[in-house]
Amino acid sequence: LDRMGFPASVVPGGDPKGLPPGAHIW
């Protein structure tokens, strides 16, 4: 997703707090 220009974050430990907007990968 990053390669294609979509901001993405892996959700650590099931808590998305503090992650930037974009795709959240659970």
mmCIF file of all heavy atoms, coordinates in Angstrom:
data_MODEL
# 
_entry.id   MODEL 
# 
loop_
_atom_site.group_PDB 
_atom_site.id 
_atom_site.type_symbol 
_atom_site.label_atom_id 
_atom_site.label_alt_id 
_atom_site.label_comp_id 
_atom_site.label_asym_id 
_atom_site.label_entity_id 
_atom_site.label_seq_id 
_atom_site.pdbx_PDB_ins_code 
_atom_site.Cartn_x 
_atom_site.Cartn_y 
_atom_site.Cartn_z 
_atom_site.occupancy 
_atom_site.B_iso_or_equiv 
_atom_site.pdbx_formal_charge 
_atom_site.auth_seq_id 
_atom_site.auth_comp_id 
_atom_site.auth_asym_id 
_atom_site.auth_atom_id 
_atom_site.pdbx_PDB_model_num 
ATOM 1   N N   . LEU A 1 1  ? 0.834  -1.207 0.000  1.00 0.00 ? 1  LEU A N   1 
ATOM 2   C CA  . LEU A 1 1  ? 0.000  0.000  0.000  1.00 0.00 ? 1  LEU A CA  1 
ATOM 3   C C   . LEU A 1 1  ? 0.866  1.253  0.000  1.00 0.00 ? 1  LEU A C   1 
ATOM 4   O O   . LEU A 1 1  ? 0.568  2.217  -0.716 1.00 0.00 ? 1  LEU A O   1 
ATOM 5   C CB  . LEU A 1 1  ? -0.966 -0.011 1.190  1.00 0.00 ? 1  LEU A CB  1 
ATOM 6   C CG  . LEU A 1 1  ? -2.055 -1.079 1.134  1.00 0.00 ? 1  LEU A CG  1 
ATOM 7   C CD1 . LEU A 1 1  ? -2.903 -1.048 2.406  1.00 0.00 ? 1  LEU A CD1 1 
ATOM 8   C CD2 . LEU A 1 1  ? -2.933 -0.912 -0.102 1.00 0.00 ? 1  LEU A CD2 1 
ATOM 9   N N   . ASP A 1 2  ? 1.944  1.247  0.769  1.00 0.00 ? 2  ASP A N   1 
ATOM 10  C CA  . ASP A 1 2  ? 2.882  2.378  0.751  1.00 0.00 ? 2  ASP A CA  1 
ATOM 11  C C   . ASP A 1 2  ? 3.461  2.571  -0.647 1.00 0.00 ? 2  ASP A C   1 
ATOM 12  O O   . ASP A 1 2  ? 3.578  3.691  -1.143 1.00 0.00 ? 2  ASP A O   1 
ATOM 13  C CB  . ASP A 1 2  ? 4.038  2.161  1.737  1.00 0.00 ? 2  ASP A CB  1 
ATOM 14  C CG  . ASP A 1 2  ? 3.667  2.433  3.187  1.00 0.00 ? 2  ASP A CG  1 
ATOM 15  O OD1 . ASP A 1 2  ? 2.593  3.022  3.445  1.00 0.00 ? 2  ASP A OD1 1 
ATOM 16  O OD2 . ASP A 1 2  ? 4.459  2.047  4.071  1.00 0.00 ? 2  ASP A OD2 1 
ATOM 17  N N   . ARG A 1 3  ? 3.812  1.470  -1.280 1.00 0.00 ? 3  ARG A N   1 
ATOM 18  C CA  . ARG A 1 3  ? 4.395  1.514  -2.629 1.00 0.00 ? 3  ARG A CA  1 
ATOM 19  C C   . ARG A 1 3  ? 3.440  2.156  -3.632 1.00 0.00 ? 3  ARG A C   1 
ATOM 20  O O   . ARG A 1 3  ? 3.867  2.840  -4.561 1.00 0.00 ? 3  ARG A O   1 
ATOM 21  C CB  . ARG A 1 3  ? 4.738  0.079  -3.051 1.00 0.00 ? 3  ARG A CB  1 
ATOM 22  C CG  . ARG A 1 3  ? 5.519  -0.041 -4.320 1.00 0.00 ? 3  ARG A CG  1 
ATOM 23  C CD  . ARG A 1 3  ? 6.028  -1.448 -4.471 1.00 0.00 ? 3  ARG A CD  1 
ATOM 24  N NE  . ARG A 1 3  ? 5.055  -2.300 -5.117 1.00 0.00 ? 3  ARG A NE  1 
ATOM 25  C CZ  . ARG A 1 3  ? 5.309  -3.014 -6.208 1.00 0.00 ? 3  ARG A CZ  1 
ATOM 26  N NH1 . ARG A 1 3  ? 6.507  -3.003 -6.743 1.00 0.00 ? 3  ARG A NH1 1 
ATOM 27  N NH2 . ARG A 1 3  ? 4.385  -3.760 -6.742 1.00 0.00 ? 3  ARG A NH2 1 
ATOM 28  N N   . MET A 1 4  ? 2.146  1.967  -3.413 1.00 0.00 ? 4  MET A N   1 
ATOM 29  C CA  . MET A 1 4  ? 1.133  2.518  -4.309 1.00 0.00 ? 4  MET A CA  1 
ATOM 30  C C   . MET A 1 4  ? 0.621  3.888  -3.853 1.00 0.00 ? 4  MET A C   1 
ATOM 31  O O   . MET A 1 4  ? -0.294 4.443  -4.450 1.00 0.00 ? 4  MET A O   1 
ATOM 32  C CB  . MET A 1 4  ? -0.044 1.551  -4.441 1.00 0.00 ? 4  MET A CB  1 
ATOM 33  C CG  . MET A 1 4  ? 0.292  0.304  -5.227 1.00 0.00 ? 4  MET A CG  1 
ATOM 34  S SD  . MET A 1 4  ? 0.591  0.686  -6.973 1.00 0.00 ? 4  MET A SD  1 
ATOM 35  C CE  . MET A 1 4  ? 2.353  0.491  -7.100 1.00 0.00 ? 4  MET A CE  1 
ATOM 36  N N   . GLY A 1 5  ? 1.217  4.436  -2.793 1.00 0.00 ? 5  GLY A N   1 
ATOM 37  C CA  . GLY A 1 5  ? 0.885  5.791  -2.373 1.00 0.00 ? 5  GLY A CA  1 
ATOM 38  C C   . GLY A 1 5  ? -0.177 5.912  -1.305 1.00 0.00 ? 5  GLY A C   1 
ATOM 39  O O   . GLY A 1 5  ? -0.631 7.022  -1.006 1.00 0.00 ? 5  GLY A O   1 
ATOM 40  N N   . PHE A 1 6  ? -0.582 4.805  -0.705 1.00 0.00 ? 6  PHE A N   1 
ATOM 41  C CA  . PHE A 1 6  ? -1.582 4.855  0.370  1.00 0.00 ? 6  PHE A CA  1 
ATOM 42  C C   . PHE A 1 6  ? -0.867 4.803  1.714  1.00 0.00 ? 6  PHE A C   1 
ATOM 43  O O   . PHE A 1 6  ? -0.135 3.850  1.977  1.00 0.00 ? 6  PHE A O   1 
ATOM 44  C CB  . PHE A 1 6  ? -2.538 3.661  0.275  1.00 0.00 ? 6  PHE A CB  1 
ATOM 45  C CG  . PHE A 1 6  ? -3.359 3.632  -0.974 1.00 0.00 ? 6  PHE A CG  1 
ATOM 46  C CD1 . PHE A 1 6  ? -2.983 2.831  -2.041 1.00 0.00 ? 6  PHE A CD1 1 
ATOM 47  C CD2 . PHE A 1 6  ? -4.505 4.406  -1.090 1.00 0.00 ? 6  PHE A CD2 1 
ATOM 48  C CE1 . PHE A 1 6  ? -3.736 2.785  -3.205 1.00 0.00 ? 6  PHE A CE1 1 
ATOM 49  C CE2 . PHE A 1 6  ? -5.266 4.377  -2.234 1.00 0.00 ? 6  PHE A CE2 1 
ATOM 50  C CZ  . PHE A 1 6  ? -4.883 3.568  -3.305 1.00 0.00 ? 6  PHE A CZ  1 
ATOM 51  N N   . PRO A 1 7  ? -1.098 5.785  2.570  1.00 0.00 ? 7  PRO A N   1 
ATOM 52  C CA  . PRO A 1 7  ? -0.486 5.702  3.897  1.00 0.00 ? 7  PRO A CA  1 
ATOM 53  C C   . PRO A 1 7  ? -1.080 4.513  4.648  1.00 0.00 ? 7  PRO A C   1 
ATOM 54  O O   . PRO A 1 7  ? -2.294 4.321  4.659  1.00 0.00 ? 7  PRO A O   1 
ATOM 55  C CB  . PRO A 1 7  ? -0.869 7.030  4.561  1.00 0.00 ? 7  PRO A CB  1 
ATOM 56  C CG  . PRO A 1 7  ? -2.079 7.498  3.815  1.00 0.00 ? 7  PRO A CG  1 
ATOM 57  C CD  . PRO A 1 7  ? -1.971 6.948  2.422  1.00 0.00 ? 7  PRO A CD  1 
ATOM 58  N N   . ALA A 1 8  ? -0.225 3.700  5.246  1.00 0.00 ? 8  ALA A N   1 
ATOM 59  C CA  . ALA A 1 8  ? -0.703 2.486  5.900  1.00 0.00 ? 8  ALA A CA  1 
ATOM 60  C C   . ALA A 1 8  ? 0.126  2.197  7.146  1.00 0.00 ? 8  ALA A C   1 
ATOM 61  O O   . ALA A 1 8  ? 1.326  2.450  7.171  1.00 0.00 ? 8  ALA A O   1 
ATOM 62  C CB  . ALA A 1 8  ? -0.625 1.304  4.934  1.00 0.00 ? 8  ALA A CB  1 
ATOM 63  N N   . SER A 1 9  ? -0.550 1.661  8.166  1.00 0.00 ? 9  SER A N   1 
ATOM 64  C CA  . SER A 1 9  ? 0.109  1.282  9.415  1.00 0.00 ? 9  SER A CA  1 
ATOM 65  C C   . SER A 1 9  ? -0.422 -0.061 9.868  1.00 0.00 ? 9  SER A C   1 
ATOM 66  O O   . SER A 1 9  ? -1.616 -0.336 9.752  1.00 0.00 ? 9  SER A O   1 
ATOM 67  C CB  . SER A 1 9  ? -0.209 2.300  10.526 1.00 0.00 ? 9  SER A CB  1 
ATOM 68  O OG  . SER A 1 9  ? 0.160  3.603  10.154 1.00 0.00 ? 9  SER A OG  1 
ATOM 69  N N   . VAL A 1 10 ? 0.481  -0.883 10.401 1.00 0.00 ? 10 VAL A N   1 
ATOM 70  C CA  . VAL A 1 10 ? 0.064  -2.122 11.044 1.00 0.00 ? 10 VAL A CA  1 
ATOM 71  C C   . VAL A 1 10 ? -0.328 -1.758 12.462 1.00 0.00 ? 10 VAL A C   1 
ATOM 72  O O   . VAL A 1 10 ? 0.411  -1.065 13.162 1.00 0.00 ? 10 VAL A O   1 
ATOM 73  C CB  . VAL A 1 10 ? 1.193  -3.172 11.024 1.00 0.00 ? 10 VAL A CB  1 
ATOM 74  C CG1 . VAL A 1 10 ? 0.800  -4.411 11.823 1.00 0.00 ? 10 VAL A CG1 1 
ATOM 75  C CG2 . VAL A 1 10 ? 1.557  -3.540 9.597  1.00 0.00 ? 10 VAL A CG2 1 
ATOM 76  N N   . VAL A 1 11 ? -1.517 -2.194 12.877 1.00 0.00 ? 11 VAL A N   1 
ATOM 77  C CA  . VAL A 1 11 ? -2.013 -1.874 14.221 1.00 0.00 ? 11 VAL A CA  1 
ATOM 78  C C   . VAL A 1 11 ? -1.309 -2.793 15.217 1.00 0.00 ? 11 VAL A C   1 
ATOM 79  O O   . VAL A 1 11 ? -1.490 -4.003 15.176 1.00 0.00 ? 11 VAL A O   1 
ATOM 80  C CB  . VAL A 1 11 ? -3.545 -2.051 14.306 1.00 0.00 ? 11 VAL A CB  1 
ATOM 81  C CG1 . VAL A 1 11 ? -4.035 -1.745 15.715 1.00 0.00 ? 11 VAL A CG1 1 
ATOM 82  C CG2 . VAL A 1 11 ? -4.245 -1.153 13.287 1.00 0.00 ? 11 VAL A CG2 1 
ATOM 83  N N   . PRO A 1 12 ? -0.497 -2.193 16.117 1.00 0.00 ? 12 PRO A N   1 
ATOM 84  C CA  . PRO A 1 12 ? 0.236  -3.022 17.078 1.00 0.00 ? 12 PRO A CA  1 
ATOM 85  C C   . PRO A 1 12 ? -0.640 -3.389 18.274 1.00 0.00 ? 12 PRO A C   1 
ATOM 86  O O   . PRO A 1 12 ? -1.233 -2.535 18.904 1.00 0.00 ? 12 PRO A O   1 
ATOM 87  C CB  . PRO A 1 12 ? 1.387  -2.108 17.504 1.00 0.00 ? 12 PRO A CB  1 
ATOM 88  C CG  . PRO A 1 12 ? 0.839  -0.727 17.358 1.00 0.00 ? 12 PRO A CG  1 
ATOM 89  C CD  . PRO A 1 12 ? -0.173 -0.785 16.225 1.00 0.00 ? 12 PRO A CD  1 
ATOM 90  N N   . GLY A 1 13 ? -0.731 -4.655 18.546 1.00 0.00 ? 13 GLY A N   1 
ATOM 91  C CA  . GLY A 1 13 ? -1.441 -5.102 19.743 1.00 0.00 ? 13 GLY A CA  1 
ATOM 92  C C   . GLY A 1 13 ? -2.910 -4.724 19.800 1.00 0.00 ? 13 GLY A C   1 
ATOM 93  O O   . GLY A 1 13 ? -3.466 -4.629 20.881 1.00 0.00 ? 13 GLY A O   1 
ATOM 94  N N   . GLY A 1 14 ? -3.517 -4.467 18.663 1.00 0.00 ? 14 GLY A N   1 
ATOM 95  C CA  . GLY A 1 14 ? -4.944 -4.181 18.646 1.00 0.00 ? 14 GLY A CA  1 
ATOM 96  C C   . GLY A 1 14 ? -5.327 -2.778 19.077 1.00 0.00 ? 14 GLY A C   1 
ATOM 97  O O   . GLY A 1 14 ? -6.499 -2.494 19.283 1.00 0.00 ? 14 GLY A O   1 
ATOM 98  N N   . ASP A 1 15 ? -4.366 -1.871 19.231 1.00 0.00 ? 15 ASP A N   1 
ATOM 99  C CA  . ASP A 1 15 ? -4.689 -0.515 19.665 1.00 0.00 ? 15 ASP A CA  1 
ATOM 100 C C   . ASP A 1 15 ? -4.244 0.496  18.617 1.00 0.00 ? 15 ASP A C   1 
ATOM 101 O O   . ASP A 1 15 ? -3.056 0.748  18.457 1.00 0.00 ? 15 ASP A O   1 
ATOM 102 C CB  . ASP A 1 15 ? -4.006 -0.209 20.995 1.00 0.00 ? 15 ASP A CB  1 
ATOM 103 C CG  . ASP A 1 15 ? -4.420 1.136  21.577 1.00 0.00 ? 15 ASP A CG  1 
ATOM 104 O OD1 . ASP A 1 15 ? -5.301 1.804  20.995 1.00 0.00 ? 15 ASP A OD1 1 
ATOM 105 O OD2 . ASP A 1 15 ? -3.870 1.513  22.619 1.00 0.00 ? 15 ASP A OD2 1 
ATOM 106 N N   . PRO A 1 16 ? -5.209 1.111  17.892 1.00 0.00 ? 16 PRO A N   1 
ATOM 107 C CA  . PRO A 1 16 ? -4.836 2.048  16.835 1.00 0.00 ? 16 PRO A CA  1 
ATOM 108 C C   . PRO A 1 16 ? -4.526 3.460  17.342 1.00 0.00 ? 16 PRO A C   1 
ATOM 109 O O   . PRO A 1 16 ? -4.184 4.323  16.552 1.00 0.00 ? 16 PRO A O   1 
ATOM 110 C CB  . PRO A 1 16 ? -6.084 2.062  15.945 1.00 0.00 ? 16 PRO A CB  1 
ATOM 111 C CG  . PRO A 1 16 ? -7.199 1.817  16.898 1.00 0.00 ? 16 PRO A CG  1 
ATOM 112 C CD  . PRO A 1 16 ? -6.644 0.862  17.932 1.00 0.00 ? 16 PRO A CD  1 
ATOM 113 N N   . LYS A 1 17 ? -4.613 3.701  18.643 1.00 0.00 ? 17 LYS A N   1 
ATOM 114 C CA  . LYS A 1 17 ? -4.346 5.048  19.162 1.00 0.00 ? 17 LYS A CA  1 
ATOM 115 C C   . LYS A 1 17 ? -2.933 5.471  18.816 1.00 0.00 ? 17 LYS A C   1 
ATOM 116 O O   . LYS A 1 17 ? -1.985 4.711  18.944 1.00 0.00 ? 17 LYS A O   1 
ATOM 117 C CB  . LYS A 1 17 ? -4.548 5.104  20.670 1.00 0.00 ? 17 LYS A CB  1 
ATOM 118 C CG  . LYS A 1 17 ? -5.995 5.044  21.061 1.00 0.00 ? 17 LYS A CG  1 
ATOM 119 C CD  . LYS A 1 17 ? -6.178 5.262  22.534 1.00 0.00 ? 17 LYS A CD  1 
ATOM 120 C CE  . LYS A 1 17 ? -7.673 5.199  22.833 1.00 0.00 ? 17 LYS A CE  1 
ATOM 121 N NZ  . LYS A 1 17 ? -7.954 5.423  24.215 1.00 0.00 ? 17 LYS A NZ  1 
ATOM 122 N N   . GLY A 1 18 ? -2.834 6.702  18.350 1.00 0.00 ? 18 GLY A N   1 
ATOM 123 C CA  . GLY A 1 18 ? -1.536 7.249  18.017 1.00 0.00 ? 18 GLY A CA  1 
ATOM 124 C C   . GLY A 1 18 ? -1.074 6.963  16.598 1.00 0.00 ? 18 GLY A C   1 
ATOM 125 O O   . GLY A 1 18 ? -0.058 7.478  16.171 1.00 0.00 ? 18 GLY A O   1 
ATOM 126 N N   . LEU A 1 19 ? -1.824 6.131  15.875 1.00 0.00 ? 19 LEU A N   1 
ATOM 127 C CA  . LEU A 1 19 ? -1.448 5.861  14.494 1.00 0.00 ? 19 LEU A CA  1 
ATOM 128 C C   . LEU A 1 19 ? -1.957 6.985  13.596 1.00 0.00 ? 19 LEU A C   1 
ATOM 129 O O   . LEU A 1 19 ? -3.012 7.580  13.859 1.00 0.00 ? 19 LEU A O   1 
ATOM 130 C CB  . LEU A 1 19 ? -2.046 4.535  14.016 1.00 0.00 ? 19 LEU A CB  1 
ATOM 131 C CG  . LEU A 1 19 ? -1.468 3.282  14.650 1.00 0.00 ? 19 LEU A CG  1 
ATOM 132 C CD1 . LEU A 1 19 ? -2.179 2.058  14.101 1.00 0.00 ? 19 LEU A CD1 1 
ATOM 133 C CD2 . LEU A 1 19 ? 0.022  3.177  14.392 1.00 0.00 ? 19 LEU A CD2 1 
ATOM 134 N N   . PRO A 1 20 ? -1.231 7.272  12.534 1.00 0.00 ? 20 PRO A N   1 
ATOM 135 C CA  . PRO A 1 20 ? -1.687 8.328  11.623 1.00 0.00 ? 20 PRO A CA  1 
ATOM 136 C C   . PRO A 1 20 ? -2.909 7.868  10.835 1.00 0.00 ? 20 PRO A C   1 
ATOM 137 O O   . PRO A 1 20 ? -3.176 6.674  10.729 1.00 0.00 ? 20 PRO A O   1 
ATOM 138 C CB  . PRO A 1 20 ? -0.483 8.521  10.698 1.00 0.00 ? 20 PRO A CB  1 
ATOM 139 C CG  . PRO A 1 20 ? 0.250  7.225  10.736 1.00 0.00 ? 20 PRO A CG  1 
ATOM 140 C CD  . PRO A 1 20 ? 0.030  6.668  12.111 1.00 0.00 ? 20 PRO A CD  1 
ATOM 141 N N   . PRO A 1 21 ? -3.655 8.824  10.286 1.00 0.00 ? 21 PRO A N   1 
ATOM 142 C CA  . PRO A 1 21 ? -4.778 8.463  9.416  1.00 0.00 ? 21 PRO A CA  1 
ATOM 143 C C   . PRO A 1 21 ? -4.275 7.649  8.224  1.00 0.00 ? 21 PRO A C   1 
ATOM 144 O O   . PRO A 1 21 ? -3.108 7.700  7.863  1.00 0.00 ? 21 PRO A O   1 
ATOM 145 C CB  . PRO A 1 21 ? -5.320 9.812  8.942  1.00 0.00 ? 21 PRO A CB  1 
ATOM 146 C CG  . PRO A 1 21 ? -4.826 10.801 9.935  1.00 0.00 ? 21 PRO A CG  1 
ATOM 147 C CD  . PRO A 1 21 ? -3.509 10.268 10.437 1.00 0.00 ? 21 PRO A CD  1 
ATOM 148 N N   . GLY A 1 22 ? -5.162 6.894  7.642  1.00 0.00 ? 22 GLY A N   1 
ATOM 149 C CA  . GLY A 1 22 ? -4.829 6.076  6.484  1.00 0.00 ? 22 GLY A CA  1 
ATOM 150 C C   . GLY A 1 22 ? -5.322 4.662  6.682  1.00 0.00 ? 22 GLY A C   1 
ATOM 151 O O   . GLY A 1 22 ? -6.210 4.399  7.490  1.00 0.00 ? 22 GLY A O   1 
ATOM 152 N N   . ALA A 1 23 ? -4.721 3.742  5.946  1.00 0.00 ? 23 ALA A N   1 
ATOM 153 C CA  . ALA A 1 23 ? -5.090 2.332  6.064  1.00 0.00 ? 23 ALA A CA  1 
ATOM 154 C C   . ALA A 1 23 ? -4.536 1.782  7.370  1.00 0.00 ? 23 ALA A C   1 
ATOM 155 O O   . ALA A 1 23 ? -3.383 2.008  7.704  1.00 0.00 ? 23 ALA A O   1 
ATOM 156 C CB  . ALA A 1 23 ? -4.539 1.545  4.884  1.00 0.00 ? 23 ALA A CB  1 
ATOM 157 N N   . HIS A 1 24 ? -5.393 1.089  8.094  1.00 0.00 ? 24 HIS A N   1 
ATOM 158 C CA  . HIS A 1 24 ? -4.966 0.383  9.299  1.00 0.00 ? 24 HIS A CA  1 
ATOM 159 C C   . HIS A 1 24 ? -5.077 -1.103 9.008  1.00 0.00 ? 24 HIS A C   1 
ATOM 160 O O   . HIS A 1 24 ? -6.133 -1.596 8.612  1.00 0.00 ? 24 HIS A O   1 
ATOM 161 C CB  . HIS A 1 24 ? -5.818 0.766  10.502 1.00 0.00 ? 24 HIS A CB  1 
ATOM 162 C CG  . HIS A 1 24 ? -5.531 2.148  10.996 1.00 0.00 ? 24 HIS A CG  1 
ATOM 163 N ND1 . HIS A 1 24 ? -6.251 2.742  11.995 1.00 0.00 ? 24 HIS A ND1 1 
ATOM 164 C CD2 . HIS A 1 24 ? -4.605 3.062  10.627 1.00 0.00 ? 24 HIS A CD2 1 
ATOM 165 C CE1 . HIS A 1 24 ? -5.773 3.962  12.220 1.00 0.00 ? 24 HIS A CE1 1 
ATOM 166 N NE2 . HIS A 1 24 ? -4.772 4.163  11.393 1.00 0.00 ? 24 HIS A NE2 1 
ATOM 167 N N   . ILE A 1 25 ? -3.973 -1.787 9.195  1.00 0.00 ? 25 ILE A N   1 
ATOM 168 C CA  . ILE A 1 25 ? -3.881 -3.219 8.910  1.00 0.00 ? 25 ILE A CA  1 
ATOM 169 C C   . ILE A 1 25 ? -3.854 -3.936 10.253 1.00 0.00 ? 25 ILE A C   1 
ATOM 170 O O   . ILE A 1 25 ? -2.889 -3.822 10.998 1.00 0.00 ? 25 ILE A O   1 
ATOM 171 C CB  . ILE A 1 25 ? -2.617 -3.521 8.079  1.00 0.00 ? 25 ILE A CB  1 
ATOM 172 C CG1 . ILE A 1 25 ? -2.593 -2.635 6.837  1.00 0.00 ? 25 ILE A CG1 1 
ATOM 173 C CG2 . ILE A 1 25 ? -2.549 -4.999 7.728  1.00 0.00 ? 25 ILE A CG2 1 
ATOM 174 C CD1 . ILE A 1 25 ? -1.220 -2.459 6.240  1.00 0.00 ? 25 ILE A CD1 1 
ATOM 175 N N   . TRP A 1 26 ? -4.940 -4.632 10.550 1.00 0.00 ? 26 TRP A N   1 
ATOM 176 C CA  . TRP A 1 26 ? -5.116 -5.287 11.844 1.00 0.00 ? 26 TRP A CA  1 
ATOM 177 C C   . TRP A 1 26 ? -4.609 -6.720 11.794 1.00 0.00 ? 26 TRP A C   1 
ATOM 178 O O   . TRP A 1 26 ? -4.928 -7.453 10.875 1.00 0.00 ? 26 TRP A O   1 
ATOM 179 C CB  . TRP A 1 26 ? -6.594 -5.303 12.222 1.00 0.00 ? 26 TRP A CB  1 
ATOM 180 C CG  . TRP A 1 26 ? -7.166 -3.951 12.449 1.00 0.00 ? 26 TRP A CG  1 
ATOM 181 C CD1 . TRP A 1 26 ? -7.569 -3.058 11.487 1.00 0.00 ? 26 TRP A CD1 1 
ATOM 182 C CD2 . TRP A 1 26 ? -7.406 -3.322 13.700 1.00 0.00 ? 26 TRP A CD2 1 
ATOM 183 N NE1 . TRP A 1 26 ? -8.047 -1.920 12.085 1.00 0.00 ? 26 TRP A NE1 1 
ATOM 184 C CE2 . TRP A 1 26 ? -7.953 -2.059 13.440 1.00 0.00 ? 26 TRP A CE2 1 
ATOM 185 C CE3 . TRP A 1 26 ? -7.209 -3.715 15.021 1.00 0.00 ? 26 TRP A CE3 1 
ATOM 186 C CZ2 . TRP A 1 26 ? -8.312 -1.173 14.449 1.00 0.00 ? 26 TRP A CZ2 1 
ATOM 187 C CZ3 . TRP A 1 26 ? -7.574 -2.832 16.027 1.00 0.00 ? 26 TRP A CZ3 1 
ATOM 188 C CH2 . TRP A 1 26 ? -8.113 -1.584 15.744 1.00 0.00 ? 26 TRP A CH2 1 
# 
